[in-house]
C-alpha atoms as a PDB file:
ATOM      1  CA  UNK A   1     -91.328 148.020 -88.757  1.00  0.00           C
ATOM      2  CA  UNK A   2     -92.811 147.680 -92.221  1.00  0.00           C
ATOM      3  CA  UNK A   3     -95.433 150.386 -92.838  1.00  0.00           C
ATOM      4  CA  UNK A   4     -97.853 148.313 -94.929  1.00  0.00           C
ATOM      5  CA  UNK A   5     -97.769 145.466 -92.408  1.00  0.00           C
ATOM      6  CA  UNK A   6     -98.513 147.819 -89.520  1.00  0.00           C
ATOM      7  CA  UNK A   7    -101.476 149.287 -91.425  1.00  0.00           C
ATOM      8  CA  UNK A   8    -102.705 145.818 -92.424  1.00  0.00           C
ATOM      9  CA  UNK A   9    -102.372 144.566 -88.849  1.00  0.00           C
ATOM     10  CA  UNK A  10    -104.340 147.527 -87.456  1.00  0.00           C
ATOM     11  CA  UNK A  11    -107.104 146.955 -90.022  1.00  0.00           C
ATOM     12  CA  UNK A  12    -107.193 143.225 -89.336  1.00  0.00           C
ATOM     13  CA  UNK A  13    -107.135 143.625 -85.564  1.00  0.00           C
ATOM     14  CA  UNK A  14    -110.010 146.136 -85.513  1.00  0.00           C
ATOM     15  CA  UNK A  15    -112.053 144.065 -87.962  1.00  0.00           C
ATOM     16  CA  UNK A  16    -111.415 140.922 -85.945  1.00  0.00           C
ATOM     17  CA  UNK A  17    -112.666 142.406 -82.683  1.00  0.00           C
ATOM     18  CA  UNK A  18    -115.901 143.428 -84.373  1.00  0.00           C
ATOM     19  CA  UNK A  19    -116.306 140.261 -86.464  1.00  0.00           C
ATOM     20  CA  UNK A  20    -115.885 138.009 -83.413  1.00  0.00           C
ATOM     21  CA  UNK A  21    -118.314 140.092 -81.357  1.00  0.00           C
ATOM     22  CA  UNK A  22    -115.701 141.132 -78.792  1.00  0.00           C
ATOM     23  CA  UNK A  23    -116.360 144.824 -79.453  1.00  0.00           C
ATOM     24  CA  UNK A  24    -118.580 146.954 -81.646  1.00  0.00           C
ATOM     25  CA  UNK A  25    -117.178 149.372 -84.234  1.00  0.00           C
ATOM     26  CA  UNK A  26    -116.209 152.330 -82.042  1.00  0.00           C
ATOM     27  CA  UNK A  27    -114.761 150.099 -79.328  1.00  0.00           C
ATOM     28  CA  UNK A  28    -112.763 148.090 -81.866  1.00  0.00           C
ATOM     29  CA  UNK A  29    -111.143 151.207 -83.299  1.00  0.00           C
ATOM     30  CA  UNK A  30    -110.210 152.828 -80.003  1.00  0.00           C
ATOM     31  CA  UNK A  31    -108.922 149.584 -78.494  1.00  0.00           C
ATOM     32  CA  UNK A  32    -106.799 148.824 -81.565  1.00  0.00           C
ATOM     33  CA  UNK A  33    -105.320 152.326 -81.733  1.00  0.00           C
ATOM     34  CA  UNK A  34    -104.581 152.356 -78.001  1.00  0.00           C
ATOM     35  CA  UNK A  35    -102.557 149.179 -78.555  1.00  0.00           C
ATOM     36  CA  UNK A  36    -100.879 150.639 -81.644  1.00  0.00           C
ATOM     37  CA  UNK A  37     -99.751 153.640 -79.604  1.00  0.00           C
ATOM     38  CA  UNK A  38     -98.269 151.359 -76.942  1.00  0.00           C
ATOM     39  CA  UNK A  39    -101.176 151.535 -74.458  1.00  0.00           C
ATOM     40  CA  UNK A  40    -100.850 155.203 -73.446  1.00  0.00           C
ATOM     41  CA  UNK A  41    -104.215 154.796 -71.726  1.00  0.00           C
ATOM     42  CA  UNK A  42    -105.473 152.022 -69.511  1.00  0.00           C
ATOM     43  CA  UNK A  43    -107.342 149.349 -71.478  1.00  0.00           C
ATOM     44  CA  UNK A  44    -110.561 150.382 -69.783  1.00  0.00           C
ATOM     45  CA  UNK A  45    -110.580 153.536 -71.942  1.00  0.00           C
ATOM     46  CA  UNK A  46    -112.380 151.385 -74.498  1.00  0.00           C
ATOM     47  CA  UNK A  47    -115.426 151.728 -72.260  1.00  0.00           C
ATOM     48  CA  UNK A  48    -115.694 155.389 -73.321  1.00  0.00           C
ATOM     49  CA  UNK A  49    -116.516 154.186 -76.838  1.00  0.00           C
ATOM     50  CA  UNK A  50    -119.361 151.887 -75.776  1.00  0.00           C
ATOM     51  CA  UNK A  51    -122.178 154.373 -76.425  1.00  0.00           C
ATOM     52  CA  UNK A  52    -121.246 155.130 -80.018  1.00  0.00           C
ATOM     53  CA  UNK A  53    -122.120 151.933 -81.961  1.00  0.00           C
ATOM     54  CA  UNK A  54    -124.884 151.927 -84.535  1.00  0.00           C
ATOM     55  CA  UNK A  55    -124.766 155.681 -84.894  1.00  0.00           C
ATOM     56  CA  UNK A  56    -124.607 156.768 -81.248  1.00  0.00           C
ATOM     57  CA  UNK A  57    -126.660 154.409 -79.153  1.00  0.00           C
ATOM     58  CA  UNK A  58    -128.522 152.856 -82.090  1.00  0.00           C
ATOM     59  CA  UNK A  59    -129.850 156.259 -83.208  1.00  0.00           C
ATOM     60  CA  UNK A  60    -128.347 155.800 -86.667  1.00  0.00           C
ATOM     61  CA  UNK A  61    -126.479 159.101 -86.622  1.00  0.00           C
ATOM     62  CA  UNK A  62    -122.719 159.445 -86.986  1.00  0.00           C
ATOM     63  CA  UNK A  63    -121.027 156.119 -87.785  1.00  0.00           C
ATOM     64  CA  UNK A  64    -119.599 154.507 -84.643  1.00  0.00           C
ATOM     65  CA  UNK A  65    -116.330 153.628 -86.345  1.00  0.00           C
ATOM     66  CA  UNK A  66    -115.806 157.312 -87.133  1.00  0.00           C
ATOM     67  CA  UNK A  67    -116.661 158.271 -83.544  1.00  0.00           C
ATOM     68  CA  UNK A  68    -114.170 155.707 -82.261  1.00  0.00           C
ATOM     69  CA  UNK A  69    -111.641 157.006 -84.749  1.00  0.00           C
ATOM     70  CA  UNK A  70    -111.995 160.578 -83.568  1.00  0.00           C
ATOM     71  CA  UNK A  71    -111.579 159.412 -79.965  1.00  0.00           C
ATOM     72  CA  UNK A  72    -108.493 157.462 -81.014  1.00  0.00           C
ATOM     73  CA  UNK A  73    -107.084 160.576 -82.660  1.00  0.00           C
ATOM     74  CA  UNK A  74    -107.653 162.311 -79.335  1.00  0.00           C
ATOM     75  CA  UNK A  75    -105.325 159.768 -77.720  1.00  0.00           C
ATOM     76  CA  UNK A  76    -102.578 161.030 -80.016  1.00  0.00           C
ATOM     77  CA  UNK A  77    -103.488 164.699 -80.389  1.00  0.00           C
ATOM     78  CA  UNK A  78    -105.883 165.545 -77.571  1.00  0.00           C
ATOM     79  CA  UNK A  79    -105.129 168.109 -74.928  1.00  0.00           C
ATOM     80  CA  UNK A  80    -105.077 168.198 -71.179  1.00  0.00           C
ATOM     81  CA  UNK A  81    -106.942 170.782 -69.143  1.00  0.00           C
ATOM     82  CA  UNK A  82    -105.351 174.190 -69.453  1.00  0.00           C
ATOM     83  CA  UNK A  83    -103.289 173.362 -72.533  1.00  0.00           C
ATOM     84  CA  UNK A  84    -103.766 174.839 -75.974  1.00  0.00           C
ATOM     85  CA  UNK A  85    -105.452 172.735 -78.646  1.00  0.00           C
ATOM     86  CA  UNK A  86    -102.945 170.664 -80.607  1.00  0.00           C
ATOM     87  CA  UNK A  87    -102.901 172.182 -84.089  1.00  0.00           C
ATOM     88  CA  UNK A  88    -103.144 168.695 -85.634  1.00  0.00           C
ATOM     89  CA  UNK A  89    -106.303 167.563 -83.816  1.00  0.00           C
ATOM     90  CA  UNK A  90    -109.143 169.302 -85.623  1.00  0.00           C
ATOM     91  CA  UNK A  91    -107.718 169.083 -89.154  1.00  0.00           C
ATOM     92  CA  UNK A  92    -106.999 165.351 -88.900  1.00  0.00           C
ATOM     93  CA  UNK A  93    -110.450 164.657 -87.401  1.00  0.00           C
ATOM     94  CA  UNK A  94    -112.017 166.562 -90.303  1.00  0.00           C
ATOM     95  CA  UNK A  95    -109.815 164.655 -92.739  1.00  0.00           C
ATOM     96  CA  UNK A  96    -111.062 161.331 -91.318  1.00  0.00           C
ATOM     97  CA  UNK A  97    -114.640 162.543 -91.708  1.00  0.00           C
ATOM     98  CA  UNK A  98    -114.000 163.593 -95.305  1.00  0.00           C
ATOM     99  CA  UNK A  99    -112.218 160.322 -96.135  1.00  0.00           C
ATOM    100  CA  UNK A 100    -115.149 158.183 -94.999  1.00  0.00           C
ATOM    101  CA  UNK A 101    -117.670 160.520 -96.633  1.00  0.00           C
ATOM    102  CA  UNK A 102    -115.789 160.219 -99.922  1.00  0.00           C
ATOM    103  CA  UNK A 103    -115.780 156.398 -99.717  1.00  0.00           C
ATOM    104  CA  UNK A 104    -119.363 155.898 -98.506  1.00  0.00           C
ATOM    105  CA  UNK A 105    -121.048 159.192 -99.529  1.00  0.00           C
ATOM    106  CA  UNK A 106    -122.037 159.807 -95.917  1.00  0.00           C
ATOM    107  CA  UNK A 107    -120.831 159.579 -92.342  1.00  0.00           C
ATOM    108  CA  UNK A 108    -124.301 158.736 -91.064  1.00  0.00           C
ATOM    109  CA  UNK A 109    -124.763 155.113 -89.995  1.00  0.00           C
ATOM    110  CA  UNK A 110    -128.329 154.860 -91.282  1.00  0.00           C
ATOM    111  CA  UNK A 111    -127.303 156.211 -94.688  1.00  0.00           C
ATOM    112  CA  UNK A 112    -124.172 154.069 -94.997  1.00  0.00           C
ATOM    113  CA  UNK A 113    -126.207 150.944 -94.169  1.00  0.00           C
ATOM    114  CA  UNK A 114    -129.606 151.897 -95.667  1.00  0.00           C
ATOM    115  CA  UNK A 115    -129.732 149.079 -98.201  1.00  0.00           C
ATOM    116  CA  UNK A 116    -128.809 146.374 -95.679  1.00  0.00           C
ATOM    117  CA  UNK A 117    -130.988 144.422 -93.245  1.00  0.00           C
ATOM    118  CA  UNK A 118    -129.882 145.261 -89.699  1.00  0.00           C
ATOM    119  CA  UNK A 119    -129.194 141.727 -88.406  1.00  0.00           C
ATOM    120  CA  UNK A 120    -127.873 140.367 -91.692  1.00  0.00           C
ATOM    121  CA  UNK A 121    -124.365 138.999 -92.203  1.00  0.00           C
ATOM    122  CA  UNK A 122    -124.016 141.445 -95.110  1.00  0.00           C
ATOM    123  CA  UNK A 123    -124.582 144.450 -92.859  1.00  0.00           C
ATOM    124  CA  UNK A 124    -122.145 143.170 -90.268  1.00  0.00           C
ATOM    125  CA  UNK A 125    -119.511 142.546 -92.959  1.00  0.00           C
ATOM    126  CA  UNK A 126    -120.079 146.058 -94.304  1.00  0.00           C
ATOM    127  CA  UNK A 127    -119.630 147.604 -90.854  1.00  0.00           C
ATOM    128  CA  UNK A 128    -116.601 145.425 -90.117  1.00  0.00           C
ATOM    129  CA  UNK A 129    -115.043 146.737 -93.339  1.00  0.00           C
ATOM    130  CA  UNK A 130    -115.687 150.366 -92.359  1.00  0.00           C
ATOM    131  CA  UNK A 131    -114.221 149.699 -88.908  1.00  0.00           C
ATOM    132  CA  UNK A 132    -111.063 148.313 -90.490  1.00  0.00           C
ATOM    133  CA  UNK A 133    -110.873 151.229 -92.908  1.00  0.00           C
ATOM    134  CA  UNK A 134    -110.984 153.753 -90.074  1.00  0.00           C
ATOM    135  CA  UNK A 135    -108.298 151.920 -88.083  1.00  0.00           C
ATOM    136  CA  UNK A 136    -106.082 151.574 -91.169  1.00  0.00           C
ATOM    137  CA  UNK A 137    -106.534 155.209 -92.215  1.00  0.00           C
ATOM    138  CA  UNK A 138    -105.627 156.510 -88.768  1.00  0.00           C
ATOM    139  CA  UNK A 139    -102.641 154.169 -88.558  1.00  0.00           C
ATOM    140  CA  UNK A 140    -101.402 155.435 -91.917  1.00  0.00           C
ATOM    141  CA  UNK A 141    -101.700 159.048 -90.732  1.00  0.00           C
ATOM    142  CA  UNK A 142     -99.963 158.355 -87.422  1.00  0.00           C
ATOM    143  CA  UNK A 143     -97.097 156.675 -89.260  1.00  0.00           C
ATOM    144  CA  UNK A 144     -96.575 159.953 -91.138  1.00  0.00           C
ATOM    145  CA  UNK A 145     -96.141 161.875 -87.894  1.00  0.00           C
ATOM    146  CA  UNK A 146     -92.459 162.160 -86.957  1.00  0.00           C
ATOM    147  CA  UNK A 147     -93.402 163.030 -83.377  1.00  0.00           C
ATOM    148  CA  UNK A 148     -95.402 159.806 -82.958  1.00  0.00           C
ATOM    149  CA  UNK A 149     -93.478 157.294 -85.042  1.00  0.00           C
ATOM    150  CA  UNK A 150     -91.434 156.096 -82.067  1.00  0.00           C
ATOM    151  CA  UNK A 151     -94.514 155.438 -79.945  1.00  0.00           C
ATOM    152  CA  UNK A 152     -96.159 153.175 -82.529  1.00  0.00           C
ATOM    153  CA  UNK A 153     -95.908 149.502 -81.660  1.00  0.00           C
ATOM    154  CA  UNK A 154     -96.475 146.414 -83.734  1.00  0.00           C
ATOM    155  CA  UNK A 155     -99.859 144.813 -83.126  1.00  0.00           C
ATOM    156  CA  UNK A 156    -100.114 141.080 -82.656  1.00  0.00           C
ATOM    157  CA  UNK A 157    -102.964 139.741 -84.749  1.00  0.00           C
END
């Protein structure tokens, strides 16, 4: 499995779902990462991400792609009831936050998209790009994890 191809495929898959209107940002990320991890959760888990687009229910707060990304990280590093917190979970979630903030100067949907008309093709393209960036970034991080490397599957795009 070629690393750059896996990252490219995750980016392309997440962007494609959003671009085609099959999912919004958060749903695209979580669905793509669930596939990347070999479907550890039923496909209906994507439904958990349905309230996060456009900054949590159109409120313009935290970017939906980031929210979906944090949920996707939970698929890899989350804990079950009664278990201790995985030491990787909070630092990698914070790292995702910081990565997007560095690229876009914010993690707030309304700030990231402030200069774009809501229903414009330019805004959609911008959000599709962010969605792909989140999926690619997480994929890159998961590929660095020796404990997860064997669970990562190629994605058909």
